[in-house]
Amino acid sequence: MGAITEMNRFLAKNGAYYQDTRSEAQVALVWSDTSANFYEGSDAQLIELDRVPRRSEVGNLDGEFSGFADALIRAHVPFDVIDDVTLEKDNLSRYEAILLRMSLA
């Protein structure tokens, strides 16, 4: 709770600097609520007798999204996270790239 108290004090003192701001990111990463709610990825691993199975993030929506986000962060690329509604209704022309995760299942 100490961290939350400290953050709230900071925001109370400096909140005006954070109002009416806008991201200048030119890259967007899409988090699809529709996919998150209905995706049927499997956590089951394929086992072959002659090798030890490795953990894979393939089919793991959270893991794949986090992987894209981590790659952007490590490359120091500012990005916005946008959702399905933003994709359908907002003007996206300010973005040079929009990263989508597509399910082939």
C-alpha atoms as a PDB file:
ATOM      1  CA  MET A   1       0.000   0.000   0.000  1.00  0.00           C
ATOM      2  CA  GLY A   2       2.955   2.314   0.536  1.00  0.00           C
ATOM      3  CA  ALA A   3       3.715   2.414  -3.191  1.00  0.00           C
ATOM      4  CA  ILE A   4       0.100   3.256  -4.011  1.00  0.00           C
ATOM      5  CA  THR A   5       0.038   6.016  -1.399  1.00  0.00           C
ATOM      6  CA  GLU A   6       3.259   7.471  -2.785  1.00  0.00           C
ATOM      7  CA  MET A   7       1.939   7.325  -6.367  1.00  0.00           C
ATOM      8  CA  ASN A   8      -1.333   9.025  -5.388  1.00  0.00           C
ATOM      9  CA  ARG A   9       0.567  11.815  -3.624  1.00  0.00           C
ATOM     10  CA  PHE A  10       2.740  12.291  -6.699  1.00  0.00           C
ATOM     11  CA  LEU A  11      -0.314  12.466  -8.974  1.00  0.00           C
ATOM     12  CA  ALA A  12      -2.107  14.885  -6.642  1.00  0.00           C
ATOM     13  CA  LYS A  13       0.911  17.187  -6.786  1.00  0.00           C
ATOM     14  CA  ASN A  14       1.734  16.765 -10.509  1.00  0.00           C
ATOM     15  CA  GLY A  15      -1.571  15.719 -12.090  1.00  0.00           C
ATOM     16  CA  ALA A  16      -1.889  18.848 -14.219  1.00  0.00           C
ATOM     17  CA  TYR A  17       1.178  17.793 -16.233  1.00  0.00           C
ATOM     18  CA  TYR A  18      -0.559  14.558 -17.263  1.00  0.00           C
ATOM     19  CA  GLN A  19      -3.904  16.007 -18.344  1.00  0.00           C
ATOM     20  CA  ASP A  20      -4.763  16.612 -21.980  1.00  0.00           C
ATOM     21  CA  THR A  21      -1.718  14.709 -23.217  1.00  0.00           C
ATOM     22  CA  ARG A  22      -1.499  12.569 -26.327  1.00  0.00           C
ATOM     23  CA  SER A  23       0.814   9.756 -27.282  1.00  0.00           C
ATOM     24  CA  GLU A  24       3.172  10.474 -30.163  1.00  0.00           C
ATOM     25  CA  ALA A  25       3.822   6.785 -30.837  1.00  0.00           C
ATOM     26  CA  GLN A  26       3.731   5.835 -34.508  1.00  0.00           C
ATOM     27  CA  VAL A  27       3.386   2.106 -33.830  1.00  0.00           C
ATOM     28  CA  ALA A  28       0.342   0.366 -32.367  1.00  0.00           C
ATOM     29  CA  LEU A  29       0.063  -3.136 -30.930  1.00  0.00           C
ATOM     30  CA  VAL A  30      -3.444  -4.580 -30.996  1.00  0.00           C
ATOM     31  CA  TRP A  31      -4.914  -6.376 -27.995  1.00  0.00           C
ATOM     32  CA  SER A  32      -8.075  -8.028 -29.243  1.00  0.00           C
ATOM     33  CA  ASP A  33     -10.729  -8.480 -26.572  1.00  0.00           C
ATOM     34  CA  THR A  34     -12.632 -10.669 -29.024  1.00  0.00           C
ATOM     35  CA  SER A  35      -9.646 -12.990 -29.431  1.00  0.00           C
ATOM     36  CA  ALA A  36      -8.925 -12.964 -25.703  1.00  0.00           C
ATOM     37  CA  ASN A  37     -12.517 -13.932 -24.915  1.00  0.00           C
ATOM     38  CA  PHE A  38     -12.964 -16.595 -27.592  1.00  0.00           C
ATOM     39  CA  TYR A  39      -9.511 -17.892 -28.560  1.00  0.00           C
ATOM     40  CA  GLU A  40      -9.171 -21.610 -27.992  1.00  0.00           C
ATOM     41  CA  GLY A  41      -5.404 -22.016 -27.805  1.00  0.00           C
ATOM     42  CA  SER A  42      -4.117 -25.186 -26.267  1.00  0.00           C
ATOM     43  CA  ASP A  43      -1.656 -25.494 -23.417  1.00  0.00           C
ATOM     44  CA  ALA A  44      -1.045 -29.152 -24.289  1.00  0.00           C
ATOM     45  CA  GLN A  45       2.464 -29.970 -25.428  1.00  0.00           C
ATOM     46  CA  LEU A  46       3.377 -32.360 -28.177  1.00  0.00           C
ATOM     47  CA  ILE A  47       5.541 -35.142 -26.749  1.00  0.00           C
ATOM     48  CA  GLU A  48       7.937 -37.154 -28.870  1.00  0.00           C
ATOM     49  CA  LEU A  49       9.770 -40.086 -27.345  1.00  0.00           C
ATOM     50  CA  ASP A  50      13.193 -39.186 -28.716  1.00  0.00           C
ATOM     51  CA  ARG A  51      13.345 -35.590 -27.426  1.00  0.00           C
ATOM     52  CA  VAL A  52      12.337 -33.527 -24.442  1.00  0.00           C
ATOM     53  CA  PRO A  53       9.463 -31.127 -25.180  1.00  0.00           C
ATOM     54  CA  ARG A  54      10.283 -27.438 -24.984  1.00  0.00           C
ATOM     55  CA  ARG A  55       7.886 -24.865 -23.638  1.00  0.00           C
ATOM     56  CA  SER A  56       6.348 -22.848 -26.460  1.00  0.00           C
ATOM     57  CA  GLU A  57       4.342 -19.646 -26.480  1.00  0.00           C
ATOM     58  CA  VAL A  58       2.696 -20.617 -29.796  1.00  0.00           C
ATOM     59  CA  GLY A  59      -1.050 -20.595 -29.273  1.00  0.00           C
ATOM     60  CA  ASN A  60      -0.727 -18.618 -26.034  1.00  0.00           C
ATOM     61  CA  LEU A  61      -2.388 -15.251 -26.695  1.00  0.00           C
ATOM     62  CA  ASP A  62      -0.970 -13.590 -23.566  1.00  0.00           C
ATOM     63  CA  GLY A  63       2.516 -14.917 -24.248  1.00  0.00           C
ATOM     64  CA  GLU A  64       2.476 -13.848 -27.886  1.00  0.00           C
ATOM     65  CA  PHE A  65       1.211 -10.350 -27.035  1.00  0.00           C
ATOM     66  CA  SER A  66       3.823 -10.007 -24.291  1.00  0.00           C
ATOM     67  CA  GLY A  67       6.512 -11.162 -26.723  1.00  0.00           C
ATOM     68  CA  PHE A  68       5.598  -8.471 -29.247  1.00  0.00           C
ATOM     69  CA  ALA A  69       5.462  -5.832 -26.503  1.00  0.00           C
ATOM     70  CA  ASP A  70       8.797  -6.963 -25.072  1.00  0.00           C
ATOM     71  CA  ALA A  71      10.439  -6.811 -28.510  1.00  0.00           C
ATOM     72  CA  LEU A  72       9.195  -3.247 -29.024  1.00  0.00           C
ATOM     73  CA  ILE A  73      10.322  -2.183 -25.556  1.00  0.00           C
ATOM     74  CA  ARG A  74      13.788  -3.709 -26.004  1.00  0.00           C
ATOM     75  CA  ALA A  75      14.116  -1.960 -29.379  1.00  0.00           C
ATOM     76  CA  HIS A  76      13.106   1.343 -27.716  1.00  0.00           C
ATOM     77  CA  VAL A  77      10.116   1.714 -30.046  1.00  0.00           C
ATOM     78  CA  PRO A  78       7.343   3.820 -28.490  1.00  0.00           C
ATOM     79  CA  PHE A  79       3.995   2.117 -29.063  1.00  0.00           C
ATOM     80  CA  ASP A  80       0.346   2.329 -28.119  1.00  0.00           C
ATOM     81  CA  VAL A  81      -1.828  -0.617 -27.195  1.00  0.00           C
ATOM     82  CA  ILE A  82      -5.139  -0.377 -29.009  1.00  0.00           C
ATOM     83  CA  ASP A  83      -8.194  -2.621 -28.899  1.00  0.00           C
ATOM     84  CA  ASP A  84     -10.874  -3.878 -31.298  1.00  0.00           C
ATOM     85  CA  VAL A  85     -13.086  -0.820 -30.822  1.00  0.00           C
ATOM     86  CA  THR A  86     -10.203   1.524 -31.629  1.00  0.00           C
ATOM     87  CA  LEU A  87      -9.440  -0.503 -34.766  1.00  0.00           C
ATOM     88  CA  GLU A  88     -13.015  -0.186 -35.969  1.00  0.00           C
ATOM     89  CA  LYS A  89     -13.899   3.378 -34.979  1.00  0.00           C
ATOM     90  CA  ASP A  90     -10.820   5.583 -34.564  1.00  0.00           C
ATOM     91  CA  ASN A  91      -8.696   7.309 -37.173  1.00  0.00           C
ATOM     92  CA  LEU A  92      -5.497   5.261 -37.329  1.00  0.00           C
ATOM     93  CA  SER A  93      -3.708   7.301 -39.992  1.00  0.00           C
ATOM     94  CA  ARG A  94      -1.106   8.596 -37.534  1.00  0.00           C
ATOM     95  CA  TYR A  95       0.355   5.103 -37.156  1.00  0.00           C
ATOM     96  CA  GLU A  96       3.097   3.961 -39.501  1.00  0.00           C
ATOM     97  CA  ALA A  97       2.690   0.342 -38.360  1.00  0.00           C
ATOM     98  CA  ILE A  98      -0.089  -1.588 -36.623  1.00  0.00           C
ATOM     99  CA  LEU A  99       0.882  -5.017 -35.303  1.00  0.00           C
ATOM    100  CA  LEU A 100      -1.903  -7.585 -35.341  1.00  0.00           C
ATOM    101  CA  ARG A 101      -1.836 -11.084 -33.974  1.00  0.00           C
ATOM    102  CA  MET A 102      -3.750 -13.378 -36.286  1.00  0.00           C
ATOM    103  CA  SER A 103      -5.008 -16.813 -35.375  1.00  0.00           C
ATOM    104  CA  LEU A 104      -4.867 -19.438 -38.080  1.00  0.00           C
ATOM    105  CA  ALA A 105      -6.828 -21.915 -35.993  1.00  0.00           C
END
